N, C-alpha and C. Protein backbone atom coordinates (compact mmCIF):
# COMPACT_ATOMS: atom_id res chain seq x y z
N MET A 1 -16.12 -2.52 -1.78
CA MET A 1 -15.15 -3.50 -1.32
C MET A 1 -13.80 -2.82 -1.12
N PRO A 2 -13.18 -3.00 0.02
CA PRO A 2 -11.91 -2.32 0.30
C PRO A 2 -10.77 -2.87 -0.57
N PRO A 3 -9.66 -2.14 -0.67
CA PRO A 3 -8.54 -2.58 -1.50
C PRO A 3 -7.70 -3.70 -0.87
N TRP A 4 -8.11 -4.20 0.28
CA TRP A 4 -7.39 -5.31 0.90
C TRP A 4 -8.34 -6.48 1.13
N GLN A 5 -7.73 -7.64 1.28
CA GLN A 5 -8.49 -8.86 1.52
C GLN A 5 -7.74 -9.69 2.56
N PRO A 6 -8.40 -10.08 3.64
CA PRO A 6 -7.74 -10.92 4.63
C PRO A 6 -7.39 -12.30 4.03
N VAL A 7 -6.22 -12.80 4.36
CA VAL A 7 -5.81 -14.15 4.01
C VAL A 7 -5.33 -14.81 5.29
N SER A 8 -5.05 -16.09 5.26
CA SER A 8 -4.75 -16.83 6.49
C SER A 8 -3.57 -16.26 7.29
N ASP A 9 -2.57 -15.70 6.62
CA ASP A 9 -1.38 -15.23 7.32
C ASP A 9 -1.14 -13.73 7.17
N GLY A 10 -2.20 -12.97 6.90
CA GLY A 10 -2.04 -11.52 6.76
C GLY A 10 -3.14 -10.93 5.91
N VAL A 11 -2.77 -9.94 5.10
CA VAL A 11 -3.71 -9.34 4.17
C VAL A 11 -3.06 -9.21 2.80
N ARG A 12 -3.90 -9.27 1.78
CA ARG A 12 -3.48 -9.01 0.41
C ARG A 12 -3.99 -7.60 0.09
N LEU A 13 -3.11 -6.76 -0.42
CA LEU A 13 -3.42 -5.35 -0.64
C LEU A 13 -3.15 -4.97 -2.08
N ARG A 14 -4.14 -4.35 -2.73
CA ARG A 14 -3.94 -3.83 -4.09
C ARG A 14 -3.50 -2.38 -3.96
N VAL A 15 -2.46 -2.02 -4.72
CA VAL A 15 -1.88 -0.68 -4.63
C VAL A 15 -1.74 -0.10 -6.03
N ARG A 16 -2.03 1.18 -6.13
CA ARG A 16 -1.72 1.97 -7.34
C ARG A 16 -0.60 2.90 -6.93
N LEU A 17 0.62 2.64 -7.42
CA LEU A 17 1.81 3.37 -6.99
C LEU A 17 2.13 4.52 -7.94
N GLN A 18 2.43 5.67 -7.37
CA GLN A 18 2.89 6.81 -8.15
C GLN A 18 4.31 7.14 -7.71
N PRO A 19 5.30 6.72 -8.49
CA PRO A 19 6.69 7.05 -8.15
C PRO A 19 7.03 8.49 -8.53
N GLY A 20 8.11 9.00 -7.99
CA GLY A 20 8.59 10.33 -8.33
C GLY A 20 7.74 11.47 -7.80
N ALA A 21 6.97 11.22 -6.76
CA ALA A 21 6.11 12.26 -6.18
C ALA A 21 6.94 13.21 -5.33
N LYS A 22 6.39 14.38 -5.05
CA LYS A 22 7.08 15.35 -4.19
C LYS A 22 7.15 14.87 -2.75
N ALA A 23 6.12 14.14 -2.32
CA ALA A 23 6.07 13.66 -0.94
C ALA A 23 5.54 12.24 -0.92
N ALA A 24 6.08 11.42 -0.04
CA ALA A 24 5.59 10.05 0.14
C ALA A 24 4.35 10.11 1.01
N ARG A 25 3.27 9.50 0.52
CA ARG A 25 2.04 9.52 1.31
C ARG A 25 1.04 8.50 0.77
N ILE A 26 0.08 8.19 1.61
CA ILE A 26 -1.04 7.33 1.23
C ILE A 26 -2.21 8.25 0.94
N ASP A 27 -2.68 8.24 -0.30
CA ASP A 27 -3.79 9.12 -0.68
C ASP A 27 -5.14 8.54 -0.30
N GLY A 28 -5.29 7.23 -0.36
CA GLY A 28 -6.56 6.60 -0.06
C GLY A 28 -7.01 5.71 -1.21
N PRO A 29 -8.20 5.16 -1.09
CA PRO A 29 -8.67 4.21 -2.11
C PRO A 29 -9.04 4.91 -3.42
N VAL A 30 -8.78 4.21 -4.53
CA VAL A 30 -9.16 4.66 -5.86
C VAL A 30 -9.77 3.47 -6.61
N SER A 31 -10.63 3.77 -7.56
CA SER A 31 -11.22 2.73 -8.40
C SER A 31 -10.33 2.51 -9.61
N LEU A 32 -10.07 1.26 -9.92
CA LEU A 32 -9.28 0.91 -11.09
C LEU A 32 -10.21 0.68 -12.28
N GLY A 33 -9.65 0.58 -13.46
CA GLY A 33 -10.42 0.40 -14.67
C GLY A 33 -11.31 -0.82 -14.67
N ASP A 34 -10.91 -1.87 -13.95
CA ASP A 34 -11.71 -3.10 -13.92
C ASP A 34 -12.77 -3.08 -12.82
N GLY A 35 -12.93 -1.93 -12.15
CA GLY A 35 -13.95 -1.79 -11.12
C GLY A 35 -13.50 -2.16 -9.72
N THR A 36 -12.29 -2.68 -9.58
CA THR A 36 -11.78 -3.02 -8.25
C THR A 36 -11.19 -1.78 -7.59
N GLN A 37 -10.95 -1.89 -6.30
CA GLN A 37 -10.36 -0.80 -5.52
C GLN A 37 -8.88 -1.07 -5.29
N ALA A 38 -8.11 0.00 -5.23
CA ALA A 38 -6.69 -0.07 -4.87
C ALA A 38 -6.40 1.09 -3.94
N LEU A 39 -5.33 0.98 -3.21
CA LEU A 39 -4.89 2.06 -2.33
C LEU A 39 -3.84 2.87 -3.09
N LYS A 40 -4.12 4.15 -3.34
CA LYS A 40 -3.15 4.99 -4.06
C LYS A 40 -2.09 5.46 -3.09
N ILE A 41 -0.84 5.18 -3.48
CA ILE A 41 0.30 5.55 -2.64
C ILE A 41 1.33 6.26 -3.51
N ARG A 42 1.87 7.35 -2.99
CA ARG A 42 2.92 8.10 -3.68
C ARG A 42 4.24 7.89 -2.94
N VAL A 43 5.33 7.76 -3.70
CA VAL A 43 6.67 7.68 -3.11
C VAL A 43 7.58 8.65 -3.85
N ASN A 44 8.62 9.12 -3.17
CA ASN A 44 9.57 10.06 -3.75
C ASN A 44 10.49 9.39 -4.76
N ALA A 45 10.76 8.13 -4.58
CA ALA A 45 11.75 7.42 -5.39
C ALA A 45 11.31 7.27 -6.84
N PRO A 46 12.28 7.26 -7.75
CA PRO A 46 11.95 7.05 -9.16
C PRO A 46 11.62 5.59 -9.45
N ALA A 47 10.96 5.36 -10.57
CA ALA A 47 10.57 4.00 -10.96
C ALA A 47 11.70 3.32 -11.73
N THR A 48 12.89 3.33 -11.17
CA THR A 48 14.03 2.69 -11.81
C THR A 48 14.75 1.80 -10.81
N GLU A 49 15.25 0.69 -11.30
CA GLU A 49 16.07 -0.23 -10.50
C GLU A 49 15.43 -0.64 -9.19
N GLY A 50 14.10 -0.73 -9.15
CA GLY A 50 13.41 -1.19 -7.95
C GLY A 50 13.35 -0.18 -6.82
N LYS A 51 13.76 1.06 -7.08
CA LYS A 51 13.79 2.07 -6.02
C LYS A 51 12.38 2.42 -5.53
N ALA A 52 11.42 2.54 -6.43
CA ALA A 52 10.05 2.87 -6.01
C ALA A 52 9.45 1.73 -5.20
N ASN A 53 9.72 0.49 -5.60
CA ASN A 53 9.21 -0.66 -4.85
C ASN A 53 9.81 -0.69 -3.44
N ALA A 54 11.11 -0.43 -3.34
CA ALA A 54 11.77 -0.41 -2.03
C ALA A 54 11.18 0.70 -1.16
N ALA A 55 10.92 1.86 -1.76
CA ALA A 55 10.33 2.97 -1.00
C ALA A 55 8.91 2.63 -0.55
N LEU A 56 8.16 1.94 -1.39
CA LEU A 56 6.81 1.51 -1.04
C LEU A 56 6.84 0.57 0.16
N ILE A 57 7.70 -0.42 0.11
CA ILE A 57 7.82 -1.38 1.21
C ILE A 57 8.24 -0.68 2.49
N HIS A 58 9.21 0.22 2.39
CA HIS A 58 9.68 0.96 3.56
C HIS A 58 8.54 1.80 4.17
N LEU A 59 7.80 2.50 3.32
CA LEU A 59 6.70 3.35 3.80
C LEU A 59 5.65 2.53 4.53
N LEU A 60 5.21 1.42 3.92
CA LEU A 60 4.15 0.62 4.53
C LEU A 60 4.63 -0.08 5.80
N ALA A 61 5.85 -0.59 5.79
CA ALA A 61 6.38 -1.27 6.98
C ALA A 61 6.47 -0.28 8.15
N LYS A 62 6.96 0.90 7.88
CA LYS A 62 7.09 1.89 8.95
C LYS A 62 5.71 2.35 9.42
N ARG A 63 4.83 2.62 8.49
CA ARG A 63 3.50 3.14 8.82
C ARG A 63 2.69 2.17 9.67
N TRP A 64 2.78 0.88 9.32
CA TRP A 64 1.98 -0.12 10.02
C TRP A 64 2.81 -0.95 11.01
N LYS A 65 4.01 -0.43 11.35
CA LYS A 65 4.86 -1.03 12.39
C LYS A 65 5.09 -2.53 12.15
N ARG A 66 5.53 -2.83 10.95
CA ARG A 66 5.83 -4.20 10.54
C ARG A 66 7.28 -4.22 10.08
N PRO A 67 7.97 -5.35 10.22
CA PRO A 67 9.32 -5.42 9.64
C PRO A 67 9.21 -5.39 8.11
N LYS A 68 10.23 -4.86 7.45
CA LYS A 68 10.20 -4.81 5.98
C LYS A 68 9.98 -6.18 5.38
N SER A 69 10.50 -7.22 6.04
CA SER A 69 10.34 -8.57 5.52
C SER A 69 8.89 -9.05 5.53
N ALA A 70 8.02 -8.36 6.26
CA ALA A 70 6.60 -8.73 6.32
C ALA A 70 5.80 -8.17 5.15
N VAL A 71 6.40 -7.27 4.37
CA VAL A 71 5.72 -6.65 3.23
C VAL A 71 6.40 -7.13 1.96
N THR A 72 5.66 -7.87 1.14
CA THR A 72 6.23 -8.38 -0.11
C THR A 72 5.31 -8.05 -1.28
N ILE A 73 5.92 -7.80 -2.42
CA ILE A 73 5.16 -7.58 -3.65
C ILE A 73 4.96 -8.94 -4.30
N THR A 74 3.71 -9.35 -4.46
CA THR A 74 3.42 -10.67 -5.01
C THR A 74 3.03 -10.62 -6.49
N ALA A 75 2.64 -9.46 -6.98
CA ALA A 75 2.30 -9.31 -8.39
C ALA A 75 2.47 -7.85 -8.79
N GLY A 76 2.91 -7.63 -10.03
CA GLY A 76 3.03 -6.28 -10.55
C GLY A 76 4.29 -5.54 -10.16
N ALA A 77 5.37 -6.26 -9.92
CA ALA A 77 6.61 -5.61 -9.48
C ALA A 77 7.08 -4.54 -10.47
N ASN A 78 6.81 -4.72 -11.76
CA ASN A 78 7.24 -3.74 -12.77
C ASN A 78 6.09 -2.89 -13.29
N ALA A 79 4.98 -2.87 -12.57
CA ALA A 79 3.81 -2.11 -12.99
C ALA A 79 3.41 -1.12 -11.89
N ARG A 80 2.56 -0.19 -12.23
CA ARG A 80 2.07 0.75 -11.21
C ARG A 80 1.04 0.10 -10.31
N GLU A 81 0.27 -0.81 -10.85
CA GLU A 81 -0.72 -1.53 -10.05
C GLU A 81 -0.07 -2.81 -9.53
N LYS A 82 -0.06 -2.95 -8.23
CA LYS A 82 0.65 -4.04 -7.57
C LYS A 82 -0.26 -4.75 -6.58
N THR A 83 0.07 -5.98 -6.30
CA THR A 83 -0.55 -6.71 -5.21
C THR A 83 0.54 -7.00 -4.19
N LEU A 84 0.26 -6.67 -2.95
CA LEU A 84 1.23 -6.90 -1.88
C LEU A 84 0.65 -7.86 -0.87
N HIS A 85 1.52 -8.55 -0.17
CA HIS A 85 1.13 -9.38 0.95
C HIS A 85 1.78 -8.76 2.18
N ILE A 86 0.97 -8.52 3.19
CA ILE A 86 1.49 -8.01 4.46
C ILE A 86 1.24 -9.10 5.49
N ALA A 87 2.31 -9.65 6.01
CA ALA A 87 2.20 -10.76 6.96
C ALA A 87 1.86 -10.25 8.34
N GLY A 88 1.01 -11.01 9.03
CA GLY A 88 0.62 -10.67 10.39
C GLY A 88 -0.79 -11.16 10.66
N ASP A 89 -1.33 -10.72 11.77
CA ASP A 89 -2.69 -11.10 12.14
C ASP A 89 -3.67 -10.39 11.20
N PRO A 90 -4.47 -11.15 10.43
CA PRO A 90 -5.36 -10.52 9.45
C PRO A 90 -6.34 -9.51 10.06
N ALA A 91 -6.91 -9.82 11.21
CA ALA A 91 -7.88 -8.91 11.84
C ALA A 91 -7.20 -7.61 12.27
N ASP A 92 -6.01 -7.71 12.87
CA ASP A 92 -5.27 -6.53 13.31
C ASP A 92 -4.88 -5.66 12.12
N LEU A 93 -4.37 -6.29 11.06
CA LEU A 93 -3.95 -5.53 9.89
C LEU A 93 -5.15 -4.86 9.20
N ALA A 94 -6.26 -5.58 9.11
CA ALA A 94 -7.46 -5.00 8.50
C ALA A 94 -7.93 -3.77 9.29
N GLU A 95 -7.87 -3.86 10.61
CA GLU A 95 -8.27 -2.72 11.45
C GLU A 95 -7.32 -1.55 11.25
N ARG A 96 -6.01 -1.82 11.17
CA ARG A 96 -5.04 -0.75 10.92
C ARG A 96 -5.30 -0.08 9.57
N LEU A 97 -5.60 -0.90 8.55
CA LEU A 97 -5.88 -0.36 7.23
C LEU A 97 -7.13 0.51 7.26
N ARG A 98 -8.20 0.01 7.88
CA ARG A 98 -9.43 0.79 7.97
C ARG A 98 -9.17 2.14 8.66
N SER A 99 -8.49 2.09 9.78
CA SER A 99 -8.20 3.30 10.54
C SER A 99 -7.30 4.25 9.74
N ASP A 100 -6.26 3.72 9.15
CA ASP A 100 -5.28 4.53 8.43
C ASP A 100 -5.90 5.18 7.20
N ILE A 101 -6.69 4.46 6.46
CA ILE A 101 -7.30 5.02 5.26
C ILE A 101 -8.28 6.12 5.64
N GLY A 102 -9.03 5.92 6.71
CA GLY A 102 -9.93 6.96 7.18
C GLY A 102 -9.18 8.20 7.59
N GLU A 103 -8.07 8.03 8.29
CA GLU A 103 -7.25 9.16 8.71
C GLU A 103 -6.62 9.85 7.52
N SER A 104 -6.15 9.08 6.53
CA SER A 104 -5.55 9.66 5.33
C SER A 104 -6.54 10.55 4.61
N ASN A 105 -7.77 10.08 4.49
CA ASN A 105 -8.80 10.86 3.80
C ASN A 105 -9.12 12.13 4.58
N LYS A 106 -9.17 12.06 5.90
CA LYS A 106 -9.48 13.25 6.71
C LYS A 106 -8.37 14.29 6.64
N LYS A 107 -7.12 13.83 6.52
CA LYS A 107 -5.99 14.74 6.50
C LYS A 107 -5.59 15.13 5.07
N GLY A 108 -6.38 14.73 4.09
CA GLY A 108 -6.03 15.06 2.73
C GLY A 108 -4.89 14.22 2.21
N GLY A 109 -4.66 13.02 2.80
CA GLY A 109 -3.63 12.13 2.30
C GLY A 109 -2.27 12.32 2.92
N GLU A 110 -2.09 13.26 3.79
CA GLU A 110 -0.77 13.47 4.39
C GLU A 110 -0.38 12.32 5.28
N SER A 111 0.88 11.99 5.29
CA SER A 111 1.36 10.95 6.20
C SER A 111 2.53 11.44 7.01
């Protein structure tokens, strides 16, 4: 099962965030302790004062050509494991996610 789920007005995405990384990038899907999948993402920003969350939103909005306001953290704002909502056409976003994750894995996670 992929780390995203289509909803009526977009997709819900599970993320495992690694703040303070050397480079911002999407590594690809990882299995969490409860058996679910999440998308592992690294950001340069530290995990203080919401900087890592802001960097995550900026990275995803830019990568998937969405306005920053279309990417919101709905759960886990103060945790490494987060749930995000990305507003837009669910089919289009799911296709972008499928394509992007495949490309991330082929390139070794570089973005």
